[in-house]
């Protein structure tokens, strides 16, 4: 799997408006930066988009709620990737309902 593009909204440290990251055109990507800048959040977004779960957040009934930015009621991750010469797009959303 080769990630091509990811869009995030209210996912961990990625807030509104929708944050777009384009990986296409790069043969090798290295995430680097200071603590709290969102490196691990990008990896969590990839795994959440693909498998519906990321890091386990303690103290939450549903882990999805722990991935949403504080004070927000909905989040979204859209991932476009290349696999076996085919391009796929998966979009996962979660909304807190009362």
C-alpha atoms as a PDB file:
ATOM      1  CA  UNK A   1       0.000   0.000   0.000  1.00  0.00           C
ATOM      2  CA  UNK A   2       1.301   3.425  -0.980  1.00  0.00           C
ATOM      3  CA  UNK A   3      -0.526   6.419   0.516  1.00  0.00           C
ATOM      4  CA  UNK A   4      -1.296   9.118  -2.061  1.00  0.00           C
ATOM      5  CA  UNK A   5      -3.430  11.655  -0.178  1.00  0.00           C
ATOM      6  CA  UNK A   6      -5.028  12.013   3.232  1.00  0.00           C
ATOM      7  CA  UNK A   7      -7.625  14.500   4.448  1.00  0.00           C
ATOM      8  CA  UNK A   8      -8.351  14.988   8.153  1.00  0.00           C
ATOM      9  CA  UNK A   9     -10.941  16.976  10.068  1.00  0.00           C
ATOM     10  CA  UNK A  10     -11.034  17.188  13.886  1.00  0.00           C
ATOM     11  CA  UNK A  11      -8.853  14.087  14.203  1.00  0.00           C
ATOM     12  CA  UNK A  12      -6.534  14.408  17.224  1.00  0.00           C
ATOM     13  CA  UNK A  13      -4.345  17.473  16.541  1.00  0.00           C
ATOM     14  CA  UNK A  14      -5.779  18.095  13.040  1.00  0.00           C
ATOM     15  CA  UNK A  15      -8.639  20.567  13.271  1.00  0.00           C
ATOM     16  CA  UNK A  16     -10.946  22.489  10.936  1.00  0.00           C
ATOM     17  CA  UNK A  17     -10.902  23.333   8.097  1.00  0.00           C
ATOM     18  CA  UNK A  18     -10.084  19.987   6.477  1.00  0.00           C
ATOM     19  CA  UNK A  19      -6.326  19.419   6.515  1.00  0.00           C
ATOM     20  CA  UNK A  20      -5.060  17.952   3.214  1.00  0.00           C
ATOM     21  CA  UNK A  21      -1.714  16.209   2.781  1.00  0.00           C
ATOM     22  CA  UNK A  22      -0.614  15.063  -0.678  1.00  0.00           C
ATOM     23  CA  UNK A  23       1.998  12.291  -0.672  1.00  0.00           C
ATOM     24  CA  UNK A  24       1.952  11.737  -4.446  1.00  0.00           C
ATOM     25  CA  UNK A  25       5.140  12.552  -6.268  1.00  0.00           C
ATOM     26  CA  UNK A  26       7.327  11.417  -3.367  1.00  0.00           C
ATOM     27  CA  UNK A  27       9.210   8.123  -3.414  1.00  0.00           C
ATOM     28  CA  UNK A  28      10.186   8.267   0.243  1.00  0.00           C
ATOM     29  CA  UNK A  29       8.573  10.160   3.121  1.00  0.00           C
ATOM     30  CA  UNK A  30       9.982  10.732   6.607  1.00  0.00           C
ATOM     31  CA  UNK A  31       7.894  12.254   9.396  1.00  0.00           C
ATOM     32  CA  UNK A  32       9.935  14.483  11.669  1.00  0.00           C
ATOM     33  CA  UNK A  33       9.160  17.312  14.030  1.00  0.00           C
ATOM     34  CA  UNK A  34       8.742  18.318  17.638  1.00  0.00           C
ATOM     35  CA  UNK A  35       6.523  16.490  20.106  1.00  0.00           C
ATOM     36  CA  UNK A  36       2.857  17.272  19.631  1.00  0.00           C
ATOM     37  CA  UNK A  37       3.133  18.299  15.966  1.00  0.00           C
ATOM     38  CA  UNK A  38       0.978  15.412  14.690  1.00  0.00           C
ATOM     39  CA  UNK A  39       3.402  12.721  13.463  1.00  0.00           C
ATOM     40  CA  UNK A  40       1.753   9.895  15.407  1.00  0.00           C
ATOM     41  CA  UNK A  41      -1.682  11.346  14.660  1.00  0.00           C
ATOM     42  CA  UNK A  42      -1.034  10.837  10.933  1.00  0.00           C
ATOM     43  CA  UNK A  43      -0.221   7.185  11.517  1.00  0.00           C
ATOM     44  CA  UNK A  44      -3.296   6.846  13.747  1.00  0.00           C
ATOM     45  CA  UNK A  45      -5.406   8.407  10.984  1.00  0.00           C
ATOM     46  CA  UNK A  46      -4.091   5.892   8.452  1.00  0.00           C
ATOM     47  CA  UNK A  47      -4.907   2.929  10.678  1.00  0.00           C
ATOM     48  CA  UNK A  48      -8.295   4.334  11.733  1.00  0.00           C
ATOM     49  CA  UNK A  49      -9.298   4.952   8.107  1.00  0.00           C
ATOM     50  CA  UNK A  50      -8.299   1.430   7.045  1.00  0.00           C
ATOM     51  CA  UNK A  51      -9.319  -0.698  10.029  1.00  0.00           C
ATOM     52  CA  UNK A  52     -11.634   1.473  12.115  1.00  0.00           C
ATOM     53  CA  UNK A  53      -9.386   1.556  15.132  1.00  0.00           C
ATOM     54  CA  UNK A  54      -6.224   3.294  16.218  1.00  0.00           C
ATOM     55  CA  UNK A  55      -4.530   3.678  19.565  1.00  0.00           C
ATOM     56  CA  UNK A  56      -6.602   2.614  22.540  1.00  0.00           C
ATOM     57  CA  UNK A  57      -7.778   5.610  24.503  1.00  0.00           C
ATOM     58  CA  UNK A  58      -8.256   4.761  28.170  1.00  0.00           C
ATOM     59  CA  UNK A  59     -11.399   5.856  29.926  1.00  0.00           C
ATOM     60  CA  UNK A  60     -13.583   5.981  26.820  1.00  0.00           C
ATOM     61  CA  UNK A  61     -16.482   3.675  26.092  1.00  0.00           C
ATOM     62  CA  UNK A  62     -15.860   3.893  22.362  1.00  0.00           C
ATOM     63  CA  UNK A  63     -12.278   4.529  21.268  1.00  0.00           C
ATOM     64  CA  UNK A  64     -13.424   6.705  18.340  1.00  0.00           C
ATOM     65  CA  UNK A  65     -14.532   9.399  20.789  1.00  0.00           C
ATOM     66  CA  UNK A  66     -10.993   9.559  22.175  1.00  0.00           C
ATOM     67  CA  UNK A  67      -9.566  10.270  18.732  1.00  0.00           C
ATOM     68  CA  UNK A  68     -11.820  13.268  18.124  1.00  0.00           C
ATOM     69  CA  UNK A  69     -10.451  16.709  18.905  1.00  0.00           C
ATOM     70  CA  UNK A  70     -11.699  18.048  22.230  1.00  0.00           C
ATOM     71  CA  UNK A  71     -14.886  20.083  22.006  1.00  0.00           C
ATOM     72  CA  UNK A  72     -15.828  18.800  18.539  1.00  0.00           C
ATOM     73  CA  UNK A  73     -18.813  16.618  17.681  1.00  0.00           C
ATOM     74  CA  UNK A  74     -17.648  15.017  14.438  1.00  0.00           C
ATOM     75  CA  UNK A  75     -14.432  13.913  12.759  1.00  0.00           C
ATOM     76  CA  UNK A  76     -13.429  12.558   9.369  1.00  0.00           C
ATOM     77  CA  UNK A  77     -10.461  10.892   7.684  1.00  0.00           C
ATOM     78  CA  UNK A  78     -10.292  10.249   3.949  1.00  0.00           C
ATOM     79  CA  UNK A  79      -7.375   8.185   2.620  1.00  0.00           C
ATOM     80  CA  UNK A  80      -6.448   7.620  -1.010  1.00  0.00           C
ATOM     81  CA  UNK A  81      -3.854   4.928  -1.644  1.00  0.00           C
ATOM     82  CA  UNK A  82      -2.329   2.737  -4.341  1.00  0.00           C
ATOM     83  CA  UNK A  83      -2.369  -1.044  -4.000  1.00  0.00           C
ATOM     84  CA  UNK A  84      -1.602  -3.571  -6.745  1.00  0.00           C
ATOM     85  CA  UNK A  85      -1.714  -0.799  -9.376  1.00  0.00           C
ATOM     86  CA  UNK A  86      -5.257   0.188  -8.322  1.00  0.00           C
ATOM     87  CA  UNK A  87      -6.187   3.438  -6.588  1.00  0.00           C
ATOM     88  CA  UNK A  88      -8.582   3.130  -3.648  1.00  0.00           C
ATOM     89  CA  UNK A  89     -10.262   5.732  -1.467  1.00  0.00           C
ATOM     90  CA  UNK A  90     -11.688   5.067   1.968  1.00  0.00           C
ATOM     91  CA  UNK A  91     -13.540   7.648   4.031  1.00  0.00           C
ATOM     92  CA  UNK A  92     -14.393   7.113   7.669  1.00  0.00           C
ATOM     93  CA  UNK A  93     -16.470   9.484   9.792  1.00  0.00           C
ATOM     94  CA  UNK A  94     -17.560   9.540  13.400  1.00  0.00           C
ATOM     95  CA  UNK A  95     -20.096  11.826  15.017  1.00  0.00           C
ATOM     96  CA  UNK A  96     -20.887  12.141  18.698  1.00  0.00           C
ATOM     97  CA  UNK A  97     -24.633  11.983  19.230  1.00  0.00           C
ATOM     98  CA  UNK A  98     -26.480  12.713  22.419  1.00  0.00           C
END
